[in-house]
Amino acid sequence: QRQHLRQGWGWMSRDIQDAWREMMQSATPERRAEVQAKLQSMTPDERMTYRRQLSEDYLKQKAAKK
């Protein structure tokens, strides 16, 4: 748990972490750069919230495609 906190994931579930990884791997280089730039300008709490939101949105879009 401490390792996750240090990595900026807080108490996020494994599903959210996996969705984040999948979303970033499938994103265009421009989109990845945009997300990373935004993350760099945020506080740790804001980063955690932003990652969770993007991951949840990605999962919703993925489910809607099925």
PDB file of N, CA and C in Angstrom:
ATOM      1  N   GLN A   1       0.824  -1.190   0.000  1.00  0.00           N
ATOM      2  CA  GLN A   1       0.000   0.000   0.000  1.00  0.00           C
ATOM      3  C   GLN A   1       0.864   1.248   0.000  1.00  0.00           C
ATOM      4  N   ARG A   2       1.932   1.228   0.750  1.00  0.00           N
ATOM      5  CA  ARG A   2       2.830   2.379   0.757  1.00  0.00           C
ATOM      6  C   ARG A   2       3.445   2.591  -0.611  1.00  0.00           C
ATOM      7  N   GLN A   3       3.762   1.492  -1.270  1.00  0.00           N
ATOM      8  CA  GLN A   3       4.356   1.600  -2.597  1.00  0.00           C
ATOM      9  C   GLN A   3       3.388   2.307  -3.550  1.00  0.00           C
ATOM     10  N   HIS A   4       2.095   1.954  -3.477  1.00  0.00           N
ATOM     11  CA  HIS A   4       1.102   2.595  -4.330  1.00  0.00           C
ATOM     12  C   HIS A   4       0.998   4.081  -4.015  1.00  0.00           C
ATOM     13  N   LEU A   5       1.038   4.426  -2.739  1.00  0.00           N
ATOM     14  CA  LEU A   5       0.985   5.834  -2.367  1.00  0.00           C
ATOM     15  C   LEU A   5       2.188   6.581  -2.917  1.00  0.00           C
ATOM     16  N   ARG A   6       3.340   5.985  -2.814  1.00  0.00           N
ATOM     17  CA  ARG A   6       4.558   6.621  -3.332  1.00  0.00           C
ATOM     18  C   ARG A   6       4.490   6.807  -4.840  1.00  0.00           C
ATOM     19  N   GLN A   7       3.848   5.873  -5.505  1.00  0.00           N
ATOM     20  CA  GLN A   7       3.733   5.953  -6.957  1.00  0.00           C
ATOM     21  C   GLN A   7       2.603   6.883  -7.388  1.00  0.00           C
ATOM     22  N   GLY A   8       1.867   7.435  -6.442  1.00  0.00           N
ATOM     23  CA  GLY A   8       0.815   8.380  -6.777  1.00  0.00           C
ATOM     24  C   GLY A   8      -0.531   7.759  -7.061  1.00  0.00           C
ATOM     25  N   TRP A   9      -0.703   6.497  -6.721  1.00  0.00           N
ATOM     26  CA  TRP A   9      -1.967   5.829  -7.013  1.00  0.00           C
ATOM     27  C   TRP A   9      -2.909   5.825  -5.824  1.00  0.00           C
ATOM     28  N   GLY A  10      -2.446   6.214  -4.652  1.00  0.00           N
ATOM     29  CA  GLY A  10      -3.336   6.244  -3.502  1.00  0.00           C
ATOM     30  C   GLY A  10      -3.937   4.877  -3.257  1.00  0.00           C
ATOM     31  N   TRP A  11      -5.231   4.857  -3.070  1.00  0.00           N
ATOM     32  CA  TRP A  11      -5.928   3.597  -2.781  1.00  0.00           C
ATOM     33  C   TRP A  11      -6.725   3.122  -3.988  1.00  0.00           C
ATOM     34  N   MET A  12      -6.283   3.453  -5.184  1.00  0.00           N
ATOM     35  CA  MET A  12      -7.027   3.075  -6.387  1.00  0.00           C
ATOM     36  C   MET A  12      -7.003   1.574  -6.594  1.00  0.00           C
ATOM     37  N   SER A  13      -8.112   1.095  -7.091  1.00  0.00           N
ATOM     38  CA  SER A  13      -8.236  -0.346  -7.334  1.00  0.00           C
ATOM     39  C   SER A  13      -7.335  -0.767  -8.490  1.00  0.00           C
ATOM     40  N   ARG A  14      -7.095  -2.036  -8.541  1.00  0.00           N
ATOM     41  CA  ARG A  14      -6.257  -2.605  -9.610  1.00  0.00           C
ATOM     42  C   ARG A  14      -6.908  -2.372 -10.974  1.00  0.00           C
ATOM     43  N   ASP A  15      -8.248  -2.415 -11.043  1.00  0.00           N
ATOM     44  CA  ASP A  15      -8.950  -2.182 -12.305  1.00  0.00           C
ATOM     45  C   ASP A  15      -8.668  -0.791 -12.852  1.00  0.00           C
ATOM     46  N   ILE A  16      -8.660   0.192 -11.963  1.00  0.00           N
ATOM     47  CA  ILE A  16      -8.386   1.567 -12.375  1.00  0.00           C
ATOM     48  C   ILE A  16      -6.942   1.685 -12.853  1.00  0.00           C
ATOM     49  N   GLN A  17      -6.025   1.070 -12.137  1.00  0.00           N
ATOM     50  CA  GLN A  17      -4.615   1.109 -12.543  1.00  0.00           C
ATOM     51  C   GLN A  17      -4.420   0.455 -13.904  1.00  0.00           C
ATOM     52  N   ASP A  18      -5.078  -0.692 -14.114  1.00  0.00           N
ATOM     53  CA  ASP A  18      -4.970  -1.389 -15.394  1.00  0.00           C
ATOM     54  C   ASP A  18      -5.588  -0.579 -16.526  1.00  0.00           C
ATOM     55  N   ALA A  19      -6.724   0.073 -16.238  1.00  0.00           N
ATOM     56  CA  ALA A  19      -7.380   0.909 -17.247  1.00  0.00           C
ATOM     57  C   ALA A  19      -6.483   2.076 -17.631  1.00  0.00           C
ATOM     58  N   TRP A  20      -5.824   2.674 -16.634  1.00  0.00           N
ATOM     59  CA  TRP A  20      -4.910   3.785 -16.908  1.00  0.00           C
ATOM     60  C   TRP A  20      -3.788   3.324 -17.839  1.00  0.00           C
ATOM     61  N   ARG A  21      -3.197   2.206 -17.524  1.00  0.00           N
ATOM     62  CA  ARG A  21      -2.090   1.677 -18.329  1.00  0.00           C
ATOM     63  C   ARG A  21      -2.559   1.408 -19.764  1.00  0.00           C
ATOM     64  N   GLU A  22      -3.698   0.751 -19.896  1.00  0.00           N
ATOM     65  CA  GLU A  22      -4.226   0.418 -21.216  1.00  0.00           C
ATOM     66  C   GLU A  22      -4.563   1.687 -22.007  1.00  0.00           C
ATOM     67  N   MET A  23      -5.175   2.661 -21.333  1.00  0.00           N
ATOM     68  CA  MET A  23      -5.545   3.911 -21.983  1.00  0.00           C
ATOM     69  C   MET A  23      -4.301   4.639 -22.491  1.00  0.00           C
ATOM     70  N   MET A  24      -3.283   4.731 -21.652  1.00  0.00           N
ATOM     71  CA  MET A  24      -2.068   5.442 -22.049  1.00  0.00           C
ATOM     72  C   MET A  24      -1.323   4.705 -23.165  1.00  0.00           C
ATOM     73  N   GLN A  25      -1.341   3.390 -23.143  1.00  0.00           N
ATOM     74  CA  GLN A  25      -0.664   2.632 -24.192  1.00  0.00           C
ATOM     75  C   GLN A  25      -1.374   2.767 -25.533  1.00  0.00           C
ATOM     76  N   SER A  26      -2.691   2.943 -25.508  1.00  0.00           N
ATOM     77  CA  SER A  26      -3.443   3.063 -26.750  1.00  0.00           C
ATOM     78  C   SER A  26      -3.569   4.507 -27.232  1.00  0.00           C
ATOM     79  N   ALA A  27      -3.142   5.470 -26.421  1.00  0.00           N
ATOM     80  CA  ALA A  27      -3.251   6.888 -26.784  1.00  0.00           C
ATOM     81  C   ALA A  27      -2.183   7.259 -27.816  1.00  0.00           C
ATOM     82  N   THR A  28      -2.480   8.326 -28.543  1.00  0.00           N
ATOM     83  CA  THR A  28      -1.495   8.847 -29.486  1.00  0.00           C
ATOM     84  C   THR A  28      -0.359   9.507 -28.707  1.00  0.00           C
ATOM     85  N   PRO A  29       0.804   9.636 -29.325  1.00  0.00           N
ATOM     86  CA  PRO A  29       1.912  10.315 -28.629  1.00  0.00           C
ATOM     87  C   PRO A  29       1.542  11.738 -28.189  1.00  0.00           C
ATOM     88  N   GLU A  30       0.741  12.424 -29.005  1.00  0.00           N
ATOM     89  CA  GLU A  30       0.320  13.781 -28.659  1.00  0.00           C
ATOM     90  C   GLU A  30      -0.562  13.773 -27.412  1.00  0.00           C
ATOM     91  N   ARG A  31      -1.486  12.831 -27.346  1.00  0.00           N
ATOM     92  CA  ARG A  31      -2.375  12.734 -26.187  1.00  0.00           C
ATOM     93  C   ARG A  31      -1.589  12.380 -24.926  1.00  0.00           C
ATOM     94  N   ARG A  32      -0.654  11.442 -25.039  1.00  0.00           N
ATOM     95  CA  ARG A  32       0.183  11.074 -23.884  1.00  0.00           C
ATOM     96  C   ARG A  32       0.958  12.286 -23.374  1.00  0.00           C
ATOM     97  N   ALA A  33       1.527  13.056 -24.292  1.00  0.00           N
ATOM     98  CA  ALA A  33       2.290  14.246 -23.901  1.00  0.00           C
ATOM     99  C   ALA A  33       1.377  15.272 -23.222  1.00  0.00           C
ATOM    100  N   GLU A  34       0.167  15.429 -23.740  1.00  0.00           N
ATOM    101  CA  GLU A  34      -0.791  16.357 -23.151  1.00  0.00           C
ATOM    102  C   GLU A  34      -1.148  15.945 -21.723  1.00  0.00           C
ATOM    103  N   VAL A  35      -1.436  14.667 -21.527  1.00  0.00           N
ATOM    104  CA  VAL A  35      -1.799  14.157 -20.196  1.00  0.00           C
ATOM    105  C   VAL A  35      -0.625  14.291 -19.233  1.00  0.00           C
ATOM    106  N   GLN A  36       0.565  13.919 -19.675  1.00  0.00           N
ATOM    107  CA  GLN A  36       1.745  14.004 -18.808  1.00  0.00           C
ATOM    108  C   GLN A  36       2.053  15.453 -18.420  1.00  0.00           C
ATOM    109  N   ALA A  37       1.901  16.380 -19.360  1.00  0.00           N
ATOM    110  CA  ALA A  37       2.144  17.793 -19.056  1.00  0.00           C
ATOM    111  C   ALA A  37       1.152  18.284 -18.006  1.00  0.00           C
ATOM    112  N   LYS A  38      -0.101  17.884 -18.157  1.00  0.00           N
ATOM    113  CA  LYS A  38      -1.108  18.301 -17.178  1.00  0.00           C
ATOM    114  C   LYS A  38      -0.808  17.698 -15.809  1.00  0.00           C
ATOM    115  N   LEU A  39      -0.418  16.434 -15.770  1.00  0.00           N
ATOM    116  CA  LEU A  39      -0.103  15.787 -14.500  1.00  0.00           C
ATOM    117  C   LEU A  39       1.052  16.490 -13.789  1.00  0.00           C
ATOM    118  N   GLN A  40       2.035  16.949 -14.544  1.00  0.00           N
ATOM    119  CA  GLN A  40       3.198  17.613 -13.951  1.00  0.00           C
ATOM    120  C   GLN A  40       2.837  18.917 -13.253  1.00  0.00           C
ATOM    121  N   SER A  41       1.737  19.533 -13.682  1.00  0.00           N
ATOM    122  CA  SER A  41       1.354  20.830 -13.105  1.00  0.00           C
ATOM    123  C   SER A  41       0.398  20.691 -11.921  1.00  0.00           C
ATOM    124  N   MET A  42       0.098  19.457 -11.524  1.00  0.00           N
ATOM    125  CA  MET A  42      -0.891  19.226 -10.469  1.00  0.00           C
ATOM    126  C   MET A  42      -0.236  18.813  -9.152  1.00  0.00           C
ATOM    127  N   THR A  43      -1.008  18.983  -8.076  1.00  0.00           N
ATOM    128  CA  THR A  43      -0.592  18.468  -6.770  1.00  0.00           C
ATOM    129  C   THR A  43      -0.817  16.957  -6.761  1.00  0.00           C
ATOM    130  N   PRO A  44      -0.232  16.235  -5.828  1.00  0.00           N
ATOM    131  CA  PRO A  44      -0.452  14.780  -5.776  1.00  0.00           C
ATOM    132  C   PRO A  44      -1.924  14.385  -5.683  1.00  0.00           C
ATOM    133  N   ASP A  45      -2.707  15.094  -4.880  1.00  0.00           N
ATOM    134  CA  ASP A  45      -4.131  14.765  -4.771  1.00  0.00           C
ATOM    135  C   ASP A  45      -4.869  15.026  -6.079  1.00  0.00           C
ATOM    136  N   GLU A  46      -4.529  16.118  -6.741  1.00  0.00           N
ATOM    137  CA  GLU A  46      -5.155  16.424  -8.024  1.00  0.00           C
ATOM    138  C   GLU A  46      -4.788  15.377  -9.066  1.00  0.00           C
ATOM    139  N   ARG A  47      -3.528  14.932  -9.046  1.00  0.00           N
ATOM    140  CA  ARG A  47      -3.097  13.884  -9.993  1.00  0.00           C
ATOM    141  C   ARG A  47      -3.896  12.604  -9.793  1.00  0.00           C
ATOM    142  N   MET A  48      -4.073  12.230  -8.538  1.00  0.00           N
ATOM    143  CA  MET A  48      -4.809  10.998  -8.241  1.00  0.00           C
ATOM    144  C   MET A  48      -6.251  11.113  -8.754  1.00  0.00           C
ATOM    145  N   THR A  49      -6.883  12.242  -8.508  1.00  0.00           N
ATOM    146  CA  THR A  49      -8.257  12.451  -8.960  1.00  0.00           C
ATOM    147  C   THR A  49      -8.335  12.454 -10.482  1.00  0.00           C
ATOM    148  N   TYR A  50      -7.389  13.127 -11.126  1.00  0.00           N
ATOM    149  CA  TYR A  50      -7.357  13.209 -12.582  1.00  0.00           C
ATOM    150  C   TYR A  50      -7.151  11.830 -13.201  1.00  0.00           C
ATOM    151  N   ARG A  51      -6.236  11.053 -12.664  1.00  0.00           N
ATOM    152  CA  ARG A  51      -6.000   9.692 -13.170  1.00  0.00           C
ATOM    153  C   ARG A  51      -7.247   8.836 -13.020  1.00  0.00           C
ATOM    154  N   ARG A  52      -7.880   8.914 -11.859  1.00  0.00           N
ATOM    155  CA  ARG A  52      -9.095   8.134 -11.628  1.00  0.00           C
ATOM    156  C   ARG A  52     -10.178   8.531 -12.626  1.00  0.00           C
ATOM    157  N   GLN A  53     -10.366   9.831 -12.832  1.00  0.00           N
ATOM    158  CA  GLN A  53     -11.403  10.296 -13.749  1.00  0.00           C
ATOM    159  C   GLN A  53     -11.146   9.827 -15.175  1.00  0.00           C
ATOM    160  N   LEU A  54      -9.912   9.996 -15.647  1.00  0.00           N
ATOM    161  CA  LEU A  54      -9.589   9.542 -17.004  1.00  0.00           C
ATOM    162  C   LEU A  54      -9.764   8.037 -17.149  1.00  0.00           C
ATOM    163  N   SER A  55      -9.355   7.298 -16.138  1.00  0.00           N
ATOM    164  CA  SER A  55      -9.478   5.834 -16.185  1.00  0.00           C
ATOM    165  C   SER A  55     -10.938   5.416 -16.198  1.00  0.00           C
ATOM    166  N   GLU A  56     -11.758   6.038 -15.357  1.00  0.00           N
ATOM    167  CA  GLU A  56     -13.184   5.694 -15.324  1.00  0.00           C
ATOM    168  C   GLU A  56     -13.861   6.056 -16.641  1.00  0.00           C
ATOM    169  N   ASP A  57     -13.504   7.205 -17.217  1.00  0.00           N
ATOM    170  CA  ASP A  57     -14.059   7.590 -18.518  1.00  0.00           C
ATOM    171  C   ASP A  57     -13.658   6.581 -19.596  1.00  0.00           C
ATOM    172  N   TYR A  58     -12.410   6.135 -19.547  1.00  0.00           N
ATOM    173  CA  TYR A  58     -11.929   5.151 -20.518  1.00  0.00           C
ATOM    174  C   TYR A  58     -12.717   3.845 -20.392  1.00  0.00           C
ATOM    175  N   LEU A  59     -12.937   3.403 -19.158  1.00  0.00           N
ATOM    176  CA  LEU A  59     -13.686   2.167 -18.947  1.00  0.00           C
ATOM    177  C   LEU A  59     -15.125   2.299 -19.444  1.00  0.00           C
ATOM    178  N   LYS A  60     -15.733   3.463 -19.247  1.00  0.00           N
ATOM    179  CA  LYS A  60     -17.102   3.692 -19.732  1.00  0.00           C
ATOM    180  C   LYS A  60     -17.145   3.641 -21.256  1.00  0.00           C
ATOM    181  N   GLN A  61     -16.177   4.282 -21.901  1.00  0.00           N
ATOM    182  CA  GLN A  61     -16.123   4.272 -23.375  1.00  0.00           C
ATOM    183  C   GLN A  61     -15.901   2.864 -23.883  1.00  0.00           C
ATOM    184  N   LYS A  62     -15.045   2.128 -23.219  1.00  0.00           N
ATOM    185  CA  LYS A  62     -14.742   0.756 -23.617  1.00  0.00           C
ATOM    186  C   LYS A  62     -15.981  -0.122 -23.488  1.00  0.00           C
ATOM    187  N   ALA A  63     -16.739   0.054 -22.406  1.00  0.00           N
ATOM    188  CA  ALA A  63     -17.959  -0.726 -22.191  1.00  0.00           C
ATOM    189  C   ALA A  63     -19.036  -0.352 -23.212  1.00  0.00           C
ATOM    190  N   ALA A  64     -19.092   0.913 -23.598  1.00  0.00           N
ATOM    191  CA  ALA A  64     -20.093   1.360 -24.553  1.00  0.00           C
ATOM    192  C   ALA A  64     -19.824   0.790 -25.948  1.00  0.00           C
ATOM    193  N   LYS A  65     -18.576   0.500 -26.255  1.00  0.00           N
ATOM    194  CA  LYS A  65     -18.218  -0.057 -27.557  1.00  0.00           C
ATOM    195  C   LYS A  65     -18.620  -1.523 -27.706  1.00  0.00           C
ATOM    196  N   LYS A  66     -18.785  -2.198 -26.571  1.00  0.00           N
ATOM    197  CA  LYS A  66     -19.094  -3.637 -26.618  1.00  0.00           C
ATOM    198  C   LYS A  66     -20.519  -3.884 -26.978  1.00  0.00           C
TER     199      LYS A  66
END
